[in-house]
């Protein structure tokens, strides 16, 4: 008999009323926006939940699963108190206080709610707490964080996607030190994954959770995230991420270094203001899609395409993939 995935297990004590219809409708809208005509966006609520693995039938009634509660639950932590993200900001390079009368930490938070809510809260808090470096080009000033947004975002997304949800009582931890950022996920690497092959191999411990992450745009292309994280750190002039499998947990460490490198003189390329500012976004995020460009600069899809293609033509950007999955990275 095939082993049942943990993310398909029924949520003990939960009923369908514990799911929020507004969150399900938000999922439908996002899926329709990303994949117009996709069948799940047009299914009945029951068929949608069953098809996503967000609910299963037990004793002739529909019961939310772990996946359903984590994405659509009104209060997921009521049923899974430890399935949240914690954040701690330390003033020094260790968990010890810098002095006898000094504070143990500068900030300590816990993010709950459905997965999309937790992810956005964690991302925004990390960005808020990171040191910023001013990069000035002409009359334009950009505050670029010490770690590229793509790198820490990917580390947190992976922790949520691939943690071992069978380990009840363990939190995902994000810890910011003066010299590094650590993201700890409960459970070691699964399947055939090792620290040595994590860049080019893949294994999905929670396939139903990962599918919803992909539908909502947190995971664009499975198997490429770690490689892009490494490249984002390297483009920012930082060491590649460190990966450590401790058996009971998996750790990603981003190390601080000489920081974000100022952009070279680009005046001879006749770039517009948006394109210059976009280069700083490339440095911090690692890559940009057309839609992200539209949102960052409040322009139309056509203008975003024109600007991005202009960066490609002058040799500053490189398109990756094609069609709706296309994104752009800075050329080395």
C-alpha atoms as a PDB file:
ATOM      1  CA  UNK A   1       0.000   0.000   0.000  1.00  0.00           C
ATOM      2  CA  UNK A   2       1.386   3.380  -0.996  1.00  0.00           C
ATOM      3  CA  UNK A   3       2.407   5.721   1.803  1.00  0.00           C
ATOM      4  CA  UNK A   4       0.041   8.635   2.312  1.00  0.00           C
ATOM      5  CA  UNK A   5       1.605  12.083   2.153  1.00  0.00           C
ATOM      6  CA  UNK A   6       1.511  14.023   5.409  1.00  0.00           C
ATOM      7  CA  UNK A   7      -0.057  17.023   3.713  1.00  0.00           C
ATOM      8  CA  UNK A   8      -3.098  14.859   2.830  1.00  0.00           C
ATOM      9  CA  UNK A   9      -3.841  13.814   6.425  1.00  0.00           C
ATOM     10  CA  UNK A  10      -7.219  15.001   7.752  1.00  0.00           C
ATOM     11  CA  UNK A  11      -7.062  17.891  10.196  1.00  0.00           C
ATOM     12  CA  UNK A  12      -8.172  16.358  13.492  1.00  0.00           C
ATOM     13  CA  UNK A  13     -11.300  18.036  14.830  1.00  0.00           C
ATOM     14  CA  UNK A  14     -11.776  20.374  11.867  1.00  0.00           C
ATOM     15  CA  UNK A  15     -14.919  20.808   9.761  1.00  0.00           C
ATOM     16  CA  UNK A  16     -15.510  22.618   6.477  1.00  0.00           C
ATOM     17  CA  UNK A  17     -16.722  25.721   8.321  1.00  0.00           C
ATOM     18  CA  UNK A  18     -13.156  26.106   9.607  1.00  0.00           C
ATOM     19  CA  UNK A  19     -12.138  27.024   6.038  1.00  0.00           C
ATOM     20  CA  UNK A  20     -12.552  30.600   4.857  1.00  0.00           C
ATOM     21  CA  UNK A  21     -14.481  30.910   1.548  1.00  0.00           C
ATOM     22  CA  UNK A  22     -12.805  34.289   0.958  1.00  0.00           C
ATOM     23  CA  UNK A  23      -9.381  32.623   0.881  1.00  0.00           C
ATOM     24  CA  UNK A  24     -10.640  30.018  -1.580  1.00  0.00           C
ATOM     25  CA  UNK A  25     -12.031  32.745  -3.818  1.00  0.00           C
ATOM     26  CA  UNK A  26      -8.734  34.624  -3.618  1.00  0.00           C
ATOM     27  CA  UNK A  27      -7.000  31.438  -4.782  1.00  0.00           C
ATOM     28  CA  UNK A  28      -9.434  31.095  -7.696  1.00  0.00           C
ATOM     29  CA  UNK A  29      -8.823  34.678  -8.796  1.00  0.00           C
ATOM     30  CA  UNK A  30      -5.064  34.328  -8.643  1.00  0.00           C
ATOM     31  CA  UNK A  31      -5.112  31.032 -10.521  1.00  0.00           C
ATOM     32  CA  UNK A  32      -7.353  32.507 -13.207  1.00  0.00           C
ATOM     33  CA  UNK A  33      -5.020  35.486 -13.515  1.00  0.00           C
ATOM     34  CA  UNK A  34      -1.966  33.296 -13.858  1.00  0.00           C
ATOM     35  CA  UNK A  35      -3.504  30.500 -15.925  1.00  0.00           C
ATOM     36  CA  UNK A  36      -6.667  31.725 -17.645  1.00  0.00           C
ATOM     37  CA  UNK A  37      -9.141  28.913 -18.163  1.00  0.00           C
ATOM     38  CA  UNK A  38      -7.543  26.586 -15.600  1.00  0.00           C
ATOM     39  CA  UNK A  39     -10.103  23.991 -14.530  1.00  0.00           C
ATOM     40  CA  UNK A  40      -9.698  24.343 -10.724  1.00  0.00           C
ATOM     41  CA  UNK A  41     -10.698  28.002 -10.939  1.00  0.00           C
ATOM     42  CA  UNK A  42     -14.135  26.970 -12.242  1.00  0.00           C
ATOM     43  CA  UNK A  43     -14.900  23.939 -10.102  1.00  0.00           C
ATOM     44  CA  UNK A  44     -17.414  23.757  -7.297  1.00  0.00           C
ATOM     45  CA  UNK A  45     -15.998  24.316  -3.827  1.00  0.00           C
ATOM     46  CA  UNK A  46     -16.188  20.598  -3.016  1.00  0.00           C
ATOM     47  CA  UNK A  47     -14.486  19.509  -6.236  1.00  0.00           C
ATOM     48  CA  UNK A  48     -11.877  22.231  -5.833  1.00  0.00           C
ATOM     49  CA  UNK A  49     -10.968  21.156  -2.304  1.00  0.00           C
ATOM     50  CA  UNK A  50     -10.852  17.472  -3.247  1.00  0.00           C
ATOM     51  CA  UNK A  51      -8.802  18.109  -6.376  1.00  0.00           C
ATOM     52  CA  UNK A  52      -6.233  20.187  -4.505  1.00  0.00           C
ATOM     53  CA  UNK A  53      -5.934  17.730  -1.645  1.00  0.00           C
ATOM     54  CA  UNK A  54      -7.317  20.441   0.617  1.00  0.00           C
ATOM     55  CA  UNK A  55     -10.074  18.100   1.815  1.00  0.00           C
ATOM     56  CA  UNK A  56     -10.767  14.354   1.875  1.00  0.00           C
ATOM     57  CA  UNK A  57     -13.878  12.299   2.431  1.00  0.00           C
ATOM     58  CA  UNK A  58     -14.097  10.587   5.798  1.00  0.00           C
ATOM     59  CA  UNK A  59     -17.216   8.777   6.979  1.00  0.00           C
ATOM     60  CA  UNK A  60     -19.215  10.232   4.088  1.00  0.00           C
ATOM     61  CA  UNK A  61     -18.356  13.842   4.856  1.00  0.00           C
ATOM     62  CA  UNK A  62     -15.739  16.247   3.625  1.00  0.00           C
ATOM     63  CA  UNK A  63     -12.953  16.995   6.101  1.00  0.00           C
ATOM     64  CA  UNK A  64     -10.181  19.609   5.679  1.00  0.00           C
ATOM     65  CA  UNK A  65      -6.661  18.250   5.328  1.00  0.00           C
ATOM     66  CA  UNK A  66      -3.408  19.735   6.584  1.00  0.00           C
ATOM     67  CA  UNK A  67      -3.018  21.398   3.155  1.00  0.00           C
ATOM     68  CA  UNK A  68      -6.528  22.830   3.240  1.00  0.00           C
ATOM     69  CA  UNK A  69      -6.137  24.218   6.732  1.00  0.00           C
ATOM     70  CA  UNK A  70      -2.745  25.801   6.026  1.00  0.00           C
ATOM     71  CA  UNK A  71      -3.936  27.595   2.889  1.00  0.00           C
ATOM     72  CA  UNK A  72      -7.623  28.244   3.517  1.00  0.00           C
ATOM     73  CA  UNK A  73      -8.071  27.946   7.284  1.00  0.00           C
ATOM     74  CA  UNK A  74      -9.676  30.737   9.274  1.00  0.00           C
ATOM     75  CA  UNK A  75      -7.245  30.014  12.132  1.00  0.00           C
ATOM     76  CA  UNK A  76      -4.715  27.309  11.149  1.00  0.00           C
ATOM     77  CA  UNK A  77      -2.721  27.645  14.379  1.00  0.00           C
ATOM     78  CA  UNK A  78      -5.779  26.633  16.392  1.00  0.00           C
ATOM     79  CA  UNK A  79      -5.231  23.136  15.021  1.00  0.00           C
ATOM     80  CA  UNK A  80      -1.478  23.335  14.381  1.00  0.00           C
ATOM     81  CA  UNK A  81      -0.017  25.714  17.018  1.00  0.00           C
ATOM     82  CA  UNK A  82       3.607  25.252  15.903  1.00  0.00           C
ATOM     83  CA  UNK A  83       3.038  25.507  12.147  1.00  0.00           C
ATOM     84  CA  UNK A  84       4.090  29.137  12.052  1.00  0.00           C
ATOM     85  CA  UNK A  85       7.182  31.233  11.330  1.00  0.00           C
ATOM     86  CA  UNK A  86       9.222  32.825  14.109  1.00  0.00           C
ATOM     87  CA  UNK A  87      11.619  35.731  13.627  1.00  0.00           C
ATOM     88  CA  UNK A  88      14.385  36.856  15.978  1.00  0.00           C
ATOM     89  CA  UNK A  89      16.767  39.756  15.428  1.00  0.00           C
ATOM     90  CA  UNK A  90      20.015  39.664  17.418  1.00  0.00           C
ATOM     91  CA  UNK A  91      22.323  42.638  17.804  1.00  0.00           C
ATOM     92  CA  UNK A  92      25.531  40.612  17.597  1.00  0.00           C
ATOM     93  CA  UNK A  93      26.829  37.449  15.986  1.00  0.00           C
ATOM     94  CA  UNK A  94      25.457  34.981  18.564  1.00  0.00           C
ATOM     95  CA  UNK A  95      22.310  34.343  20.585  1.00  0.00           C
ATOM     96  CA  UNK A  96      24.006  35.698  23.707  1.00  0.00           C
ATOM     97  CA  UNK A  97      23.486  39.283  24.844  1.00  0.00           C
ATOM     98  CA  UNK A  98      26.252  41.689  23.822  1.00  0.00           C
ATOM     99  CA  UNK A  99      26.649  42.805  27.456  1.00  0.00           C
ATOM    100  CA  UNK A 100      25.369  41.826  30.885  1.00  0.00           C
ATOM    101  CA  UNK A 101      22.798  44.605  30.886  1.00  0.00           C
ATOM    102  CA  UNK A 102      22.122  44.515  27.149  1.00  0.00           C
ATOM    103  CA  UNK A 103      18.999  43.061  25.511  1.00  0.00           C
ATOM    104  CA  UNK A 104      19.014  39.413  24.480  1.00  0.00           C
ATOM    105  CA  UNK A 105      17.472  40.320  21.133  1.00  0.00           C
ATOM    106  CA  UNK A 106      16.315  43.384  19.217  1.00  0.00           C
ATOM    107  CA  UNK A 107      13.069  41.912  17.926  1.00  0.00           C
ATOM    108  CA  UNK A 108      11.077  38.737  18.443  1.00  0.00           C
ATOM    109  CA  UNK A 109       7.939  37.946  16.418  1.00  0.00           C
ATOM    110  CA  UNK A 110       5.757  35.032  15.406  1.00  0.00           C
ATOM    111  CA  UNK A 111       3.728  35.000  12.193  1.00  0.00           C
ATOM    112  CA  UNK A 112       0.555  32.949  11.989  1.00  0.00           C
ATOM    113  CA  UNK A 113      -2.451  32.633   9.730  1.00  0.00           C
ATOM    114  CA  UNK A 114      -2.649  30.937   6.345  1.00  0.00           C
ATOM    115  CA  UNK A 115       0.580  30.314   4.446  1.00  0.00           C
ATOM    116  CA  UNK A 116       0.317  33.347   2.098  1.00  0.00           C
ATOM    117  CA  UNK A 117      -0.251  35.628   5.099  1.00  0.00           C
ATOM    118  CA  UNK A 118       2.721  34.172   6.990  1.00  0.00           C
ATOM    119  CA  UNK A 119       5.029  34.431   3.994  1.00  0.00           C
ATOM    120  CA  UNK A 120       4.245  38.066   3.287  1.00  0.00           C
ATOM    121  CA  UNK A 121       4.597  39.018   6.965  1.00  0.00           C
ATOM    122  CA  UNK A 122       7.968  37.253   7.214  1.00  0.00           C
ATOM    123  CA  UNK A 123       9.260  38.763   3.958  1.00  0.00           C
ATOM    124  CA  UNK A 124       8.207  42.290   4.898  1.00  0.00           C
ATOM    125  CA  UNK A 125       9.741  42.024   8.378  1.00  0.00           C
ATOM    126  CA  UNK A 126      13.073  40.733   7.108  1.00  0.00           C
ATOM    127  CA  UNK A 127      13.212  43.542   4.546  1.00  0.00           C
ATOM    128  CA  UNK A 128      12.389  46.090   7.256  1.00  0.00           C
ATOM    129  CA  UNK A 129      15.145  44.846   9.566  1.00  0.00           C
ATOM    130  CA  UNK A 130      17.947  44.440   7.013  1.00  0.00           C
ATOM    131  CA  UNK A 131      20.609  47.090   6.725  1.00  0.00           C
ATOM    132  CA  UNK A 132      20.330  49.084   3.502  1.00  0.00           C
ATOM    133  CA  UNK A 133      23.005  50.590   1.273  1.00  0.00           C
ATOM    134  CA  UNK A 134      22.292  53.636  -0.854  1.00  0.00           C
ATOM    135  CA  UNK A 135      23.123  53.161  -4.515  1.00  0.00           C
ATOM    136  CA  UNK A 136      22.955  56.438  -6.452  1.00  0.00           C
ATOM    137  CA  UNK A 137      22.832  56.759 -10.210  1.00  0.00           C
ATOM    138  CA  UNK A 138      22.454  60.296 -11.494  1.00  0.00           C
ATOM    139  CA  UNK A 139      19.579  61.796  -9.494  1.00  0.00           C
ATOM    140  CA  UNK A 140      18.108  58.407  -8.507  1.00  0.00           C
ATOM    141  CA  UNK A 141      18.745  56.885  -5.082  1.00  0.00           C
ATOM    142  CA  UNK A 142      17.966  53.251  -4.308  1.00  0.00           C
ATOM    143  CA  UNK A 143      18.129  51.660  -0.837  1.00  0.00           C
ATOM    144  CA  UNK A 144      19.382  48.136  -1.534  1.00  0.00           C
ATOM    145  CA  UNK A 145      19.233  45.576   1.319  1.00  0.00           C
ATOM    146  CA  UNK A 146      22.374  43.751   2.438  1.00  0.00           C
ATOM    147  CA  UNK A 147      20.970  40.436   1.174  1.00  0.00           C
ATOM    148  CA  UNK A 148      19.127  40.089  -2.162  1.00  0.00           C
ATOM    149  CA  UNK A 149      15.394  39.751  -1.630  1.00  0.00           C
ATOM    150  CA  UNK A 150      15.192  36.732  -3.905  1.00  0.00           C
ATOM    151  CA  UNK A 151      17.672  34.807  -1.735  1.00  0.00           C
ATOM    152  CA  UNK A 152      15.964  35.217   1.630  1.00  0.00           C
ATOM    153  CA  UNK A 153      12.502  34.969   0.115  1.00  0.00           C
ATOM    154  CA  UNK A 154      13.421  31.681  -1.550  1.00  0.00           C
ATOM    155  CA  UNK A 155      14.919  30.322   1.683  1.00  0.00           C
ATOM    156  CA  UNK A 156      11.707  31.075   3.597  1.00  0.00           C
ATOM    157  CA  UNK A 157       9.445  29.762   0.814  1.00  0.00           C
ATOM    158  CA  UNK A 158      11.438  26.519   0.677  1.00  0.00           C
ATOM    159  CA  UNK A 159      11.239  26.127   4.439  1.00  0.00           C
ATOM    160  CA  UNK A 160       7.435  26.383   4.305  1.00  0.00           C
ATOM    161  CA  UNK A 161       7.149  24.141   1.237  1.00  0.00           C
ATOM    162  CA  UNK A 162       9.468  21.342   2.305  1.00  0.00           C
ATOM    163  CA  UNK A 163       9.464  21.248   6.101  1.00  0.00           C
ATOM    164  CA  UNK A 164       8.522  17.951   7.738  1.00  0.00           C
ATOM    165  CA  UNK A 165       4.958  18.577   8.870  1.00  0.00           C
ATOM    166  CA  UNK A 166       4.982  15.293  10.782  1.00  0.00           C
ATOM    167  CA  UNK A 167       7.193  17.061  13.344  1.00  0.00           C
ATOM    168  CA  UNK A 168       4.494  18.767  15.385  1.00  0.00           C
ATOM    169  CA  UNK A 169       5.937  21.181  17.916  1.00  0.00           C
ATOM    170  CA  UNK A 170       8.677  22.565  15.658  1.00  0.00           C
ATOM    171  CA  UNK A 171       8.605  26.096  14.240  1.00  0.00           C
ATOM    172  CA  UNK A 172      10.239  27.492  11.128  1.00  0.00           C
ATOM    173  CA  UNK A 173      12.851  29.909  12.451  1.00  0.00           C
ATOM    174  CA  UNK A 174      14.270  33.008  10.760  1.00  0.00           C
ATOM    175  CA  UNK A 175      17.182  34.498  12.717  1.00  0.00           C
ATOM    176  CA  UNK A 176      18.958  37.704  11.751  1.00  0.00           C
ATOM    177  CA  UNK A 177      22.446  38.336  13.171  1.00  0.00           C
ATOM    178  CA  UNK A 178      24.948  41.111  12.536  1.00  0.00           C
ATOM    179  CA  UNK A 179      26.877  38.883  10.115  1.00  0.00           C
ATOM    180  CA  UNK A 180      24.315  36.421   8.732  1.00  0.00           C
ATOM    181  CA  UNK A 181      20.695  35.452   8.173  1.00  0.00           C
ATOM    182  CA  UNK A 182      19.607  31.914   9.087  1.00  0.00           C
ATOM    183  CA  UNK A 183      16.448  30.067   8.026  1.00  0.00           C
ATOM    184  CA  UNK A 184      15.782  26.786   9.818  1.00  0.00           C
ATOM    185  CA  UNK A 185      13.198  24.278   8.641  1.00  0.00           C
ATOM    186  CA  UNK A 186      12.031  21.332  10.811  1.00  0.00           C
ATOM    187  CA  UNK A 187      13.119  18.001   9.382  1.00  0.00           C
ATOM    188  CA  UNK A 188      16.211  17.138   7.374  1.00  0.00           C
ATOM    189  CA  UNK A 189      16.335  16.767   3.607  1.00  0.00           C
ATOM    190  CA  UNK A 190      13.915  14.215   2.224  1.00  0.00           C
ATOM    191  CA  UNK A 191      14.094  11.559  -0.466  1.00  0.00           C
ATOM    192  CA  UNK A 192      17.334  11.436  -2.426  1.00  0.00           C
ATOM    193  CA  UNK A 193      18.379  14.991  -1.582  1.00  0.00           C
ATOM    194  CA  UNK A 194      21.743  15.798  -0.018  1.00  0.00           C
ATOM    195  CA  UNK A 195      23.596  19.046   0.551  1.00  0.00           C
ATOM    196  CA  UNK A 196      25.865  18.075  -2.367  1.00  0.00           C
ATOM    197  CA  UNK A 197      23.102  17.478  -4.942  1.00  0.00           C
ATOM    198  CA  UNK A 198      20.454  19.956  -3.793  1.00  0.00           C
ATOM    199  CA  UNK A 199      21.171  22.313  -6.713  1.00  0.00           C
ATOM    200  CA  UNK A 200      20.298  19.815  -9.451  1.00  0.00           C
ATOM    201  CA  UNK A 201      18.103  17.142  -7.810  1.00  0.00           C
ATOM    202  CA  UNK A 202      14.583  17.574  -6.515  1.00  0.00           C
ATOM    203  CA  UNK A 203      12.221  15.852  -4.106  1.00  0.00           C
ATOM    204  CA  UNK A 204       8.824  17.009  -2.933  1.00  0.00           C
ATOM    205  CA  UNK A 205       7.884  15.912   0.557  1.00  0.00           C
ATOM    206  CA  UNK A 206       4.603  17.864   0.439  1.00  0.00           C
ATOM    207  CA  UNK A 207       3.369  17.736  -3.175  1.00  0.00           C
ATOM    208  CA  UNK A 208      -0.075  19.219  -2.480  1.00  0.00           C
ATOM    209  CA  UNK A 209       1.367  22.153  -0.560  1.00  0.00           C
ATOM    210  CA  UNK A 210       3.951  22.710  -3.300  1.00  0.00           C
ATOM    211  CA  UNK A 211       1.257  22.655  -5.978  1.00  0.00           C
ATOM    212  CA  UNK A 212      -0.650  25.429  -4.227  1.00  0.00           C
ATOM    213  CA  UNK A 213       2.582  27.372  -3.731  1.00  0.00           C
ATOM    214  CA  UNK A 214       3.147  27.112  -7.475  1.00  0.00           C
ATOM    215  CA  UNK A 215      -0.426  28.129  -8.303  1.00  0.00           C
ATOM    216  CA  UNK A 216      -0.042  31.243  -6.152  1.00  0.00           C
ATOM    217  CA  UNK A 217       3.289  32.199  -7.689  1.00  0.00           C
ATOM    218  CA  UNK A 218       5.630  31.432  -4.789  1.00  0.00           C
ATOM    219  CA  UNK A 219       7.258  28.598  -6.738  1.00  0.00           C
ATOM    220  CA  UNK A 220       7.658  29.374 -10.433  1.00  0.00           C
ATOM    221  CA  UNK A 221       9.837  26.526 -11.637  1.00  0.00           C
ATOM    222  CA  UNK A 222      10.531  23.554  -9.446  1.00  0.00           C
ATOM    223  CA  UNK A 223      14.171  22.641  -9.100  1.00  0.00           C
ATOM    224  CA  UNK A 224      15.562  26.065 -10.117  1.00  0.00           C
ATOM    225  CA  UNK A 225      15.047  28.038  -6.921  1.00  0.00           C
ATOM    226  CA  UNK A 226      18.218  26.974  -5.134  1.00  0.00           C
ATOM    227  CA  UNK A 227      20.353  27.648  -8.196  1.00  0.00           C
ATOM    228  CA  UNK A 228      18.799  31.108  -8.588  1.00  0.00           C
ATOM    229  CA  UNK A 229      19.352  31.787  -4.884  1.00  0.00           C
ATOM    230  CA  UNK A 230      23.057  31.041  -5.302  1.00  0.00           C
ATOM    231  CA  UNK A 231      23.298  33.259  -8.366  1.00  0.00           C
ATOM    232  CA  UNK A 232      21.458  36.112  -6.626  1.00  0.00           C
ATOM    233  CA  UNK A 233      23.982  36.035  -3.764  1.00  0.00           C
ATOM    234  CA  UNK A 234      26.923  35.933  -6.150  1.00  0.00           C
ATOM    235  CA  UNK A 235      25.583  38.860  -8.196  1.00  0.00           C
ATOM    236  CA  UNK A 236      25.292  40.857  -4.978  1.00  0.00           C
ATOM    237  CA  UNK A 237      28.978  40.231  -4.267  1.00  0.00           C
ATOM    238  CA  UNK A 238      28.213  37.819  -1.429  1.00  0.00           C
ATOM    239  CA  UNK A 239      29.255  34.245  -0.676  1.00  0.00           C
ATOM    240  CA  UNK A 240      26.920  31.491  -1.902  1.00  0.00           C
ATOM    241  CA  UNK A 241      24.363  30.295   0.671  1.00  0.00           C
ATOM    242  CA  UNK A 242      25.458  27.604   3.097  1.00  0.00           C
ATOM    243  CA  UNK A 243      23.238  24.522   3.374  1.00  0.00           C
ATOM    244  CA  UNK A 244      23.374  22.204   6.376  1.00  0.00           C
ATOM    245  CA  UNK A 245      21.340  19.052   7.001  1.00  0.00           C
ATOM    246  CA  UNK A 246      21.294  18.357  10.742  1.00  0.00           C
ATOM    247  CA  UNK A 247      18.929  15.413  10.437  1.00  0.00           C
ATOM    248  CA  UNK A 248      16.173  16.898  12.584  1.00  0.00           C
ATOM    249  CA  UNK A 249      16.348  20.235  10.760  1.00  0.00           C
ATOM    250  CA  UNK A 250      17.679  21.875   7.604  1.00  0.00           C
ATOM    251  CA  UNK A 251      19.485  25.218   7.708  1.00  0.00           C
ATOM    252  CA  UNK A 252      20.150  27.857   5.059  1.00  0.00           C
ATOM    253  CA  UNK A 253      22.644  30.575   6.011  1.00  0.00           C
ATOM    254  CA  UNK A 254      23.181  33.780   4.053  1.00  0.00           C
ATOM    255  CA  UNK A 255      26.411  35.495   5.038  1.00  0.00           C
ATOM    256  CA  UNK A 256      26.968  39.232   5.027  1.00  0.00           C
ATOM    257  CA  UNK A 257      30.013  40.516   3.205  1.00  0.00           C
ATOM    258  CA  UNK A 258      31.202  43.494   1.293  1.00  0.00           C
ATOM    259  CA  UNK A 259      27.566  44.248   0.464  1.00  0.00           C
ATOM    260  CA  UNK A 260      25.783  45.285  -2.656  1.00  0.00           C
ATOM    261  CA  UNK A 261      28.150  46.598  -5.286  1.00  0.00           C
ATOM    262  CA  UNK A 262      27.425  50.054  -6.737  1.00  0.00           C
ATOM    263  CA  UNK A 263      26.322  49.916 -10.335  1.00  0.00           C
ATOM    264  CA  UNK A 264      28.868  51.044 -12.935  1.00  0.00           C
ATOM    265  CA  UNK A 265      28.485  54.274 -14.908  1.00  0.00           C
ATOM    266  CA  UNK A 266      25.655  53.610 -17.360  1.00  0.00           C
ATOM    267  CA  UNK A 267      25.164  57.131 -18.696  1.00  0.00           C
ATOM    268  CA  UNK A 268      26.442  56.182 -22.160  1.00  0.00           C
ATOM    269  CA  UNK A 269      23.638  53.619 -22.569  1.00  0.00           C
ATOM    270  CA  UNK A 270      20.841  56.212 -22.504  1.00  0.00           C
ATOM    271  CA  UNK A 271      18.653  54.207 -20.141  1.00  0.00           C
ATOM    272  CA  UNK A 272      15.458  55.718 -18.820  1.00  0.00           C
ATOM    273  CA  UNK A 273      14.908  56.277 -15.101  1.00  0.00           C
ATOM    274  CA  UNK A 274      12.885  53.079 -14.695  1.00  0.00           C
ATOM    275  CA  UNK A 275      15.547  50.938 -16.320  1.00  0.00           C
ATOM    276  CA  UNK A 276      18.270  52.322 -14.035  1.00  0.00           C
ATOM    277  CA  UNK A 277      16.122  51.671 -10.972  1.00  0.00           C
ATOM    278  CA  UNK A 278      15.298  48.188 -12.289  1.00  0.00           C
ATOM    279  CA  UNK A 279      18.988  47.243 -12.174  1.00  0.00           C
ATOM    280  CA  UNK A 280      18.979  47.798  -8.404  1.00  0.00           C
ATOM    281  CA  UNK A 281      15.891  45.564  -8.199  1.00  0.00           C
ATOM    282  CA  UNK A 282      17.723  42.898 -10.179  1.00  0.00           C
ATOM    283  CA  UNK A 283      20.539  43.063  -7.641  1.00  0.00           C
ATOM    284  CA  UNK A 284      18.228  42.664  -4.662  1.00  0.00           C
ATOM    285  CA  UNK A 285      15.701  40.170  -6.096  1.00  0.00           C
ATOM    286  CA  UNK A 286      17.818  38.113  -8.476  1.00  0.00           C
ATOM    287  CA  UNK A 287      15.264  38.235 -11.295  1.00  0.00           C
ATOM    288  CA  UNK A 288      12.218  40.144 -12.543  1.00  0.00           C
ATOM    289  CA  UNK A 289       9.105  39.147 -14.439  1.00  0.00           C
ATOM    290  CA  UNK A 290       7.152  41.496 -16.678  1.00  0.00           C
ATOM    291  CA  UNK A 291       4.380  41.671 -14.084  1.00  0.00           C
ATOM    292  CA  UNK A 292       6.816  42.478 -11.279  1.00  0.00           C
ATOM    293  CA  UNK A 293       8.230  45.268 -13.431  1.00  0.00           C
ATOM    294  CA  UNK A 294       4.695  46.601 -14.032  1.00  0.00           C
ATOM    295  CA  UNK A 295       3.947  46.590 -10.301  1.00  0.00           C
ATOM    296  CA  UNK A 296       7.285  48.151  -9.321  1.00  0.00           C
ATOM    297  CA  UNK A 297       6.951  51.105 -11.700  1.00  0.00           C
ATOM    298  CA  UNK A 298       3.171  51.336 -12.282  1.00  0.00           C
ATOM    299  CA  UNK A 299       3.453  50.859 -16.034  1.00  0.00           C
ATOM    300  CA  UNK A 300       1.581  48.820 -18.626  1.00  0.00           C
ATOM    301  CA  UNK A 301       2.588  45.359 -19.764  1.00  0.00           C
ATOM    302  CA  UNK A 302       3.727  46.821 -23.098  1.00  0.00           C
ATOM    303  CA  UNK A 303       5.924  49.467 -21.445  1.00  0.00           C
ATOM    304  CA  UNK A 304       7.439  46.864 -19.123  1.00  0.00           C
ATOM    305  CA  UNK A 305       8.231  44.646 -22.118  1.00  0.00           C
ATOM    306  CA  UNK A 306       9.793  47.592 -23.983  1.00  0.00           C
ATOM    307  CA  UNK A 307      11.989  48.515 -20.995  1.00  0.00           C
ATOM    308  CA  UNK A 308      13.080  44.952 -20.291  1.00  0.00           C
ATOM    309  CA  UNK A 309      13.845  44.273 -23.944  1.00  0.00           C
ATOM    310  CA  UNK A 310      15.918  47.461 -23.962  1.00  0.00           C
ATOM    311  CA  UNK A 311      18.019  46.111 -21.083  1.00  0.00           C
ATOM    312  CA  UNK A 312      18.480  42.877 -23.047  1.00  0.00           C
ATOM    313  CA  UNK A 313      19.566  44.731 -26.181  1.00  0.00           C
ATOM    314  CA  UNK A 314      22.297  46.688 -24.365  1.00  0.00           C
ATOM    315  CA  UNK A 315      23.611  43.501 -22.771  1.00  0.00           C
ATOM    316  CA  UNK A 316      22.530  44.148 -19.173  1.00  0.00           C
ATOM    317  CA  UNK A 317      19.721  41.580 -18.879  1.00  0.00           C
ATOM    318  CA  UNK A 318      19.039  38.080 -20.116  1.00  0.00           C
ATOM    319  CA  UNK A 319      15.593  36.551 -20.770  1.00  0.00           C
ATOM    320  CA  UNK A 320      14.991  33.080 -19.314  1.00  0.00           C
ATOM    321  CA  UNK A 321      12.311  30.724 -20.669  1.00  0.00           C
ATOM    322  CA  UNK A 322       9.507  31.936 -22.910  1.00  0.00           C
ATOM    323  CA  UNK A 323       5.799  32.708 -22.915  1.00  0.00           C
ATOM    324  CA  UNK A 324       4.055  33.301 -19.584  1.00  0.00           C
ATOM    325  CA  UNK A 325       6.933  31.699 -17.667  1.00  0.00           C
ATOM    326  CA  UNK A 326       9.515  34.214 -18.921  1.00  0.00           C
ATOM    327  CA  UNK A 327      11.602  36.176 -16.444  1.00  0.00           C
ATOM    328  CA  UNK A 328      14.785  38.244 -16.710  1.00  0.00           C
ATOM    329  CA  UNK A 329      18.107  38.083 -14.873  1.00  0.00           C
ATOM    330  CA  UNK A 330      21.154  40.353 -14.956  1.00  0.00           C
ATOM    331  CA  UNK A 331      23.788  39.248 -17.411  1.00  0.00           C
ATOM    332  CA  UNK A 332      27.091  38.361 -15.706  1.00  0.00           C
END
